[in-house]
Amino acid sequence: MTSTPPRFPPYPIRGVRVLHKKENCAPHFAEIEVDFEPAADGFAFEVAPGLKVAYEPADDLPRFAAAAAGVEEFLSAPECGVVLATRVVLRRARADTFGSHELAFKIAGYLAARRATESLKTTGPPGN
């Protein structure tokens, strides 16, 4: 008999911060803070109202859809071992002119999802 994988997340996981920074001839820079919340089914990503973004120039913001794609890619992988029932809210972001491209934000999203799943192994439900 096989058991059903657990739903992710089983409870809200708030304030997951990731700084993805790689300095070389093709730099990467993306910093995000996201909340993971249980959802009825599937995957949803949204930007919080009034999102604060530290970025210059302000009229050329990076595409946050890439961060969403990274989160979803990690959580959908069979080796992750969870049923995807997740609402992700982007609370904060930071970018720079020379390295904040879509790949940098996709990697940051992937790392945020990995950090959130790892936190379940170390902390358990709130109040414990």
N, C-alpha and C. Protein backbone atom coordinates (compact mmCIF):
# COMPACT_ATOMS: atom_id res chain seq x y z
N MET A 1 0.84 -1.17 0.00
CA MET A 1 0.00 0.00 0.00
C MET A 1 0.89 1.24 0.00
N THR A 2 0.60 2.17 -0.91
CA THR A 2 1.38 3.40 -0.97
C THR A 2 0.60 4.52 -0.28
N SER A 3 1.32 5.36 0.41
CA SER A 3 0.67 6.48 1.08
C SER A 3 0.66 7.70 0.17
N THR A 4 -0.30 8.55 0.38
CA THR A 4 -0.40 9.78 -0.38
C THR A 4 0.63 10.77 0.16
N PRO A 5 1.37 11.44 -0.74
CA PRO A 5 2.34 12.43 -0.26
C PRO A 5 1.62 13.56 0.49
N PRO A 6 2.32 14.20 1.41
CA PRO A 6 1.69 15.30 2.15
C PRO A 6 1.42 16.51 1.26
N ARG A 7 0.41 17.27 1.63
CA ARG A 7 0.11 18.52 0.94
C ARG A 7 1.11 19.57 1.41
N PHE A 8 1.49 20.46 0.50
CA PHE A 8 2.41 21.52 0.87
C PHE A 8 1.79 22.87 0.59
N PRO A 9 1.88 23.77 1.57
CA PRO A 9 2.35 23.60 2.93
C PRO A 9 1.22 23.13 3.84
N PRO A 10 1.52 22.42 4.91
CA PRO A 10 0.47 21.98 5.82
C PRO A 10 -0.06 23.13 6.69
N TYR A 11 0.69 24.20 6.80
CA TYR A 11 0.33 25.40 7.57
C TYR A 11 1.11 26.57 6.95
N PRO A 12 0.73 27.81 7.24
CA PRO A 12 1.44 28.96 6.66
C PRO A 12 2.92 28.99 7.07
N ILE A 13 3.75 29.29 6.12
CA ILE A 13 5.18 29.49 6.35
C ILE A 13 5.47 30.91 5.88
N ARG A 14 5.74 31.78 6.81
CA ARG A 14 5.85 33.21 6.50
C ARG A 14 7.30 33.70 6.54
N GLY A 15 7.54 34.71 5.70
CA GLY A 15 8.82 35.41 5.74
C GLY A 15 10.01 34.62 5.26
N VAL A 16 9.84 33.82 4.21
CA VAL A 16 10.97 33.07 3.66
C VAL A 16 11.77 34.02 2.78
N ARG A 17 12.98 34.34 3.21
CA ARG A 17 13.84 35.28 2.49
C ARG A 17 14.98 34.56 1.81
N VAL A 18 15.24 34.98 0.58
CA VAL A 18 16.34 34.40 -0.19
C VAL A 18 17.08 35.53 -0.89
N LEU A 19 18.40 35.48 -0.80
CA LEU A 19 19.26 36.36 -1.58
C LEU A 19 20.07 35.46 -2.50
N HIS A 20 19.83 35.60 -3.80
CA HIS A 20 20.61 34.85 -4.79
C HIS A 20 21.54 35.86 -5.46
N LYS A 21 22.82 35.63 -5.26
CA LYS A 21 23.83 36.57 -5.76
C LYS A 21 25.00 35.78 -6.30
N LYS A 22 25.35 36.05 -7.54
CA LYS A 22 26.49 35.40 -8.18
C LYS A 22 27.27 36.50 -8.90
N GLU A 23 28.52 36.66 -8.54
CA GLU A 23 29.32 37.71 -9.15
C GLU A 23 30.37 37.09 -10.06
N ASN A 24 30.21 37.31 -11.35
CA ASN A 24 31.19 36.90 -12.35
C ASN A 24 30.88 37.68 -13.63
N CYS A 25 31.31 37.20 -14.77
CA CYS A 25 31.07 37.95 -16.00
C CYS A 25 29.59 37.95 -16.41
N ALA A 26 28.80 37.05 -15.85
CA ALA A 26 27.34 37.03 -16.07
C ALA A 26 26.67 37.06 -14.70
N PRO A 27 26.61 38.23 -14.05
CA PRO A 27 26.14 38.30 -12.66
C PRO A 27 24.66 37.97 -12.51
N HIS A 28 24.32 37.50 -11.31
CA HIS A 28 22.93 37.26 -10.91
C HIS A 28 22.69 38.05 -9.63
N PHE A 29 21.51 38.65 -9.52
CA PHE A 29 21.13 39.27 -8.25
C PHE A 29 19.61 39.29 -8.15
N ALA A 30 19.10 38.67 -7.11
CA ALA A 30 17.66 38.70 -6.83
C ALA A 30 17.48 38.42 -5.35
N GLU A 31 16.71 39.26 -4.70
CA GLU A 31 16.36 39.02 -3.30
C GLU A 31 14.84 39.09 -3.20
N ILE A 32 14.26 38.05 -2.60
CA ILE A 32 12.81 38.01 -2.45
C ILE A 32 12.45 37.55 -1.04
N GLU A 33 11.26 37.95 -0.63
CA GLU A 33 10.67 37.43 0.60
C GLU A 33 9.25 37.00 0.25
N VAL A 34 8.94 35.75 0.54
CA VAL A 34 7.64 35.20 0.19
C VAL A 34 7.01 34.49 1.37
N ASP A 35 5.68 34.42 1.33
CA ASP A 35 4.90 33.63 2.27
C ASP A 35 4.31 32.45 1.51
N PHE A 36 4.31 31.29 2.15
CA PHE A 36 3.66 30.10 1.59
C PHE A 36 2.42 29.83 2.43
N GLU A 37 1.28 29.69 1.78
CA GLU A 37 0.03 29.45 2.49
C GLU A 37 -0.68 28.25 1.87
N PRO A 38 -1.38 27.49 2.70
CA PRO A 38 -2.16 26.36 2.16
C PRO A 38 -3.23 26.87 1.20
N ALA A 39 -3.47 26.10 0.16
CA ALA A 39 -4.52 26.40 -0.82
C ALA A 39 -5.36 25.15 -1.01
N ALA A 40 -6.52 25.33 -1.60
CA ALA A 40 -7.40 24.19 -1.83
C ALA A 40 -6.76 23.18 -2.78
N ASP A 41 -6.09 23.70 -3.82
CA ASP A 41 -5.54 22.81 -4.84
C ASP A 41 -4.60 23.61 -5.73
N GLY A 42 -3.58 22.96 -6.26
CA GLY A 42 -2.73 23.57 -7.27
C GLY A 42 -1.76 24.62 -6.74
N PHE A 43 -1.45 25.58 -7.63
CA PHE A 43 -0.44 26.59 -7.34
C PHE A 43 -0.96 27.96 -7.74
N ALA A 44 -0.79 28.92 -6.85
CA ALA A 44 -1.14 30.32 -7.15
C ALA A 44 -0.02 31.20 -6.64
N PHE A 45 0.31 32.23 -7.41
CA PHE A 45 1.35 33.18 -7.04
C PHE A 45 0.78 34.57 -7.19
N GLU A 46 0.99 35.39 -6.18
CA GLU A 46 0.50 36.77 -6.28
C GLU A 46 1.51 37.72 -5.64
N VAL A 47 1.43 38.95 -6.11
CA VAL A 47 2.25 40.02 -5.57
C VAL A 47 1.40 40.76 -4.55
N ALA A 48 1.94 40.94 -3.35
CA ALA A 48 1.20 41.61 -2.28
C ALA A 48 0.88 43.05 -2.68
N PRO A 49 -0.32 43.51 -2.32
CA PRO A 49 -0.64 44.92 -2.57
C PRO A 49 0.37 45.81 -1.84
N GLY A 50 0.82 46.84 -2.51
CA GLY A 50 1.78 47.75 -1.90
C GLY A 50 3.18 47.17 -1.78
N LEU A 51 3.51 46.20 -2.63
CA LEU A 51 4.83 45.58 -2.60
C LEU A 51 5.93 46.64 -2.64
N LYS A 52 6.89 46.50 -1.75
CA LYS A 52 8.05 47.38 -1.72
C LYS A 52 9.16 46.74 -2.55
N VAL A 53 9.63 47.46 -3.55
CA VAL A 53 10.70 46.96 -4.40
C VAL A 53 11.86 47.94 -4.37
N ALA A 54 13.01 47.46 -3.98
CA ALA A 54 14.21 48.27 -4.02
C ALA A 54 14.88 48.00 -5.36
N TYR A 55 14.78 48.96 -6.29
CA TYR A 55 15.31 48.77 -7.63
C TYR A 55 15.48 50.10 -8.32
N GLU A 56 16.56 50.24 -9.02
CA GLU A 56 16.79 51.42 -9.85
C GLU A 56 17.10 50.93 -11.26
N PRO A 57 16.55 51.46 -12.29
CA PRO A 57 15.50 52.48 -12.32
C PRO A 57 14.13 51.89 -12.01
N ALA A 58 13.31 52.64 -11.33
CA ALA A 58 12.02 52.14 -10.83
C ALA A 58 11.05 51.79 -11.96
N ASP A 59 11.20 52.36 -13.15
CA ASP A 59 10.25 52.07 -14.22
C ASP A 59 10.61 50.81 -15.00
N ASP A 60 11.62 50.08 -14.58
CA ASP A 60 12.07 48.88 -15.29
C ASP A 60 12.21 47.70 -14.33
N LEU A 61 11.11 47.32 -13.69
CA LEU A 61 11.14 46.25 -12.69
C LEU A 61 11.33 44.88 -13.33
N PRO A 62 12.02 43.98 -12.63
CA PRO A 62 12.17 42.62 -13.14
C PRO A 62 10.83 41.89 -13.17
N ARG A 63 10.77 40.84 -13.90
CA ARG A 63 9.53 40.07 -14.03
C ARG A 63 9.43 39.06 -12.91
N PHE A 64 8.42 39.23 -12.06
CA PHE A 64 8.25 38.34 -10.91
C PHE A 64 7.67 37.00 -11.31
N ALA A 65 7.17 36.89 -12.53
CA ALA A 65 6.67 35.59 -13.00
C ALA A 65 7.80 34.56 -12.98
N ALA A 66 9.02 35.00 -13.16
CA ALA A 66 10.16 34.07 -13.13
C ALA A 66 10.34 33.48 -11.72
N ALA A 67 10.14 34.30 -10.69
CA ALA A 67 10.22 33.78 -9.31
C ALA A 67 9.13 32.74 -9.10
N ALA A 68 7.94 33.01 -9.59
CA ALA A 68 6.82 32.06 -9.47
C ALA A 68 7.17 30.75 -10.17
N ALA A 69 7.77 30.85 -11.35
CA ALA A 69 8.15 29.64 -12.10
C ALA A 69 9.17 28.81 -11.32
N GLY A 70 10.11 29.47 -10.65
CA GLY A 70 11.09 28.73 -9.85
C GLY A 70 10.47 28.01 -8.68
N VAL A 71 9.55 28.68 -7.98
CA VAL A 71 8.85 28.04 -6.85
C VAL A 71 8.08 26.82 -7.35
N GLU A 72 7.30 27.02 -8.40
CA GLU A 72 6.48 25.93 -8.92
C GLU A 72 7.33 24.77 -9.43
N GLU A 73 8.43 25.07 -10.09
CA GLU A 73 9.31 24.01 -10.60
C GLU A 73 9.84 23.14 -9.45
N PHE A 74 10.28 23.76 -8.37
CA PHE A 74 10.80 22.98 -7.25
C PHE A 74 9.71 22.12 -6.62
N LEU A 75 8.56 22.73 -6.33
CA LEU A 75 7.50 22.01 -5.63
C LEU A 75 6.83 20.93 -6.49
N SER A 76 6.90 21.08 -7.81
CA SER A 76 6.28 20.10 -8.72
C SER A 76 7.17 18.91 -9.03
N ALA A 77 8.44 19.01 -8.69
CA ALA A 77 9.37 17.92 -8.99
C ALA A 77 9.01 16.68 -8.18
N PRO A 78 9.02 15.49 -8.80
CA PRO A 78 8.67 14.27 -8.08
C PRO A 78 9.53 14.03 -6.84
N GLU A 79 10.80 14.41 -6.89
CA GLU A 79 11.67 14.18 -5.74
C GLU A 79 11.32 15.07 -4.55
N CYS A 80 10.54 16.12 -4.78
CA CYS A 80 10.09 16.97 -3.67
C CYS A 80 9.10 16.20 -2.80
N GLY A 81 8.30 15.35 -3.42
CA GLY A 81 7.43 14.45 -2.66
C GLY A 81 6.25 15.09 -1.97
N VAL A 82 5.68 16.15 -2.56
CA VAL A 82 4.51 16.79 -1.96
C VAL A 82 3.40 16.95 -2.99
N VAL A 83 2.19 17.08 -2.48
CA VAL A 83 1.05 17.44 -3.33
C VAL A 83 0.99 18.96 -3.32
N LEU A 84 1.02 19.54 -4.49
CA LEU A 84 1.05 20.99 -4.61
C LEU A 84 -0.33 21.58 -4.32
N ALA A 85 -0.43 22.28 -3.21
CA ALA A 85 -1.65 22.98 -2.79
C ALA A 85 -1.19 24.27 -2.11
N THR A 86 -0.65 25.18 -2.94
CA THR A 86 0.12 26.30 -2.41
C THR A 86 -0.29 27.63 -2.99
N ARG A 87 -0.40 28.61 -2.11
CA ARG A 87 -0.56 30.01 -2.51
C ARG A 87 0.70 30.72 -2.02
N VAL A 88 1.42 31.34 -2.94
CA VAL A 88 2.65 32.04 -2.62
C VAL A 88 2.42 33.53 -2.80
N VAL A 89 2.81 34.32 -1.79
CA VAL A 89 2.64 35.77 -1.86
C VAL A 89 4.01 36.41 -1.78
N LEU A 90 4.36 37.17 -2.81
CA LEU A 90 5.61 37.92 -2.82
C LEU A 90 5.43 39.18 -1.98
N ARG A 91 6.17 39.28 -0.89
CA ARG A 91 6.04 40.41 0.05
C ARG A 91 7.07 41.50 -0.16
N ARG A 92 8.27 41.11 -0.63
CA ARG A 92 9.35 42.07 -0.76
C ARG A 92 10.29 41.60 -1.85
N ALA A 93 10.90 42.54 -2.56
CA ALA A 93 11.87 42.19 -3.60
C ALA A 93 12.94 43.26 -3.68
N ARG A 94 14.11 42.81 -4.08
CA ARG A 94 15.21 43.74 -4.31
C ARG A 94 15.94 43.29 -5.55
N ALA A 95 16.33 44.24 -6.36
CA ALA A 95 16.99 43.93 -7.62
C ALA A 95 18.06 44.98 -7.89
N ASP A 96 18.91 44.71 -8.88
CA ASP A 96 19.85 45.73 -9.31
C ASP A 96 19.90 45.77 -10.83
N THR A 97 20.58 46.78 -11.33
CA THR A 97 20.61 47.03 -12.76
C THR A 97 21.34 45.94 -13.53
N PHE A 98 22.39 45.37 -12.94
CA PHE A 98 23.24 44.46 -13.69
C PHE A 98 23.10 43.01 -13.31
N GLY A 99 22.12 42.42 -13.11
CA GLY A 99 22.12 40.99 -12.80
C GLY A 99 20.75 40.51 -12.39
N SER A 100 19.81 41.42 -12.36
CA SER A 100 18.46 41.03 -11.94
C SER A 100 17.62 40.71 -13.17
N HIS A 101 17.94 39.60 -13.77
CA HIS A 101 17.23 39.13 -14.95
C HIS A 101 16.31 37.98 -14.54
N GLU A 102 15.58 37.47 -15.51
CA GLU A 102 14.59 36.43 -15.20
C GLU A 102 15.22 35.19 -14.58
N LEU A 103 16.38 34.76 -15.05
CA LEU A 103 17.00 33.56 -14.50
C LEU A 103 17.36 33.76 -13.03
N ALA A 104 17.85 34.94 -12.66
CA ALA A 104 18.19 35.20 -11.26
C ALA A 104 16.95 35.08 -10.38
N PHE A 105 15.82 35.62 -10.84
CA PHE A 105 14.60 35.53 -10.04
C PHE A 105 14.02 34.12 -10.03
N LYS A 106 14.19 33.38 -11.13
CA LYS A 106 13.72 31.99 -11.14
C LYS A 106 14.51 31.16 -10.12
N ILE A 107 15.82 31.36 -10.08
CA ILE A 107 16.65 30.64 -9.11
C ILE A 107 16.26 31.04 -7.69
N ALA A 108 16.03 32.32 -7.45
CA ALA A 108 15.62 32.77 -6.11
C ALA A 108 14.30 32.12 -5.70
N GLY A 109 13.35 32.00 -6.61
CA GLY A 109 12.09 31.33 -6.31
C GLY A 109 12.30 29.86 -5.98
N TYR A 110 13.14 29.20 -6.75
CA TYR A 110 13.46 27.79 -6.52
C TYR A 110 14.07 27.61 -5.13
N LEU A 111 15.02 28.49 -4.78
CA LEU A 111 15.68 28.40 -3.48
C LEU A 111 14.72 28.69 -2.33
N ALA A 112 13.78 29.62 -2.54
CA ALA A 112 12.78 29.92 -1.50
C ALA A 112 11.90 28.71 -1.23
N ALA A 113 11.49 28.01 -2.29
CA ALA A 113 10.67 26.81 -2.11
C ALA A 113 11.46 25.73 -1.39
N ARG A 114 12.71 25.57 -1.75
CA ARG A 114 13.55 24.57 -1.08
C ARG A 114 13.70 24.92 0.41
N ARG A 115 13.94 26.19 0.70
CA ARG A 115 14.08 26.61 2.10
C ARG A 115 12.79 26.37 2.87
N ALA A 116 11.65 26.63 2.26
CA ALA A 116 10.37 26.42 2.94
C ALA A 116 10.13 24.95 3.24
N THR A 117 10.44 24.06 2.30
CA THR A 117 10.25 22.63 2.56
C THR A 117 11.23 22.13 3.61
N GLU A 118 12.44 22.65 3.60
CA GLU A 118 13.42 22.25 4.61
C GLU A 118 13.02 22.72 6.00
N SER A 119 12.34 23.88 6.08
CA SER A 119 11.92 24.39 7.38
C SER A 119 10.89 23.46 8.04
N LEU A 120 10.12 22.75 7.25
CA LEU A 120 9.15 21.81 7.81
C LEU A 120 9.87 20.68 8.56
N LYS A 121 11.02 20.28 8.07
CA LYS A 121 11.77 19.19 8.68
C LYS A 121 12.40 19.60 10.00
N THR A 122 12.70 20.91 10.14
CA THR A 122 13.43 21.36 11.33
C THR A 122 12.57 22.02 12.40
N THR A 123 11.43 22.61 12.00
CA THR A 123 10.67 23.37 13.00
C THR A 123 9.33 22.75 13.38
N GLY A 124 8.64 22.14 12.44
CA GLY A 124 7.31 21.61 12.73
C GLY A 124 6.26 22.71 12.75
N PRO A 125 5.03 22.36 13.11
CA PRO A 125 3.94 23.33 13.10
C PRO A 125 4.15 24.46 14.10
N PRO A 126 3.52 25.62 13.85
CA PRO A 126 3.63 26.73 14.80
C PRO A 126 3.12 26.32 16.18
N GLY A 127 3.76 26.84 17.20
CA GLY A 127 3.33 26.53 18.56
C GLY A 127 4.01 25.32 19.17
N ASN A 128 4.87 24.66 18.41
CA ASN A 128 5.61 23.50 18.94
C ASN A 128 6.99 23.90 19.37
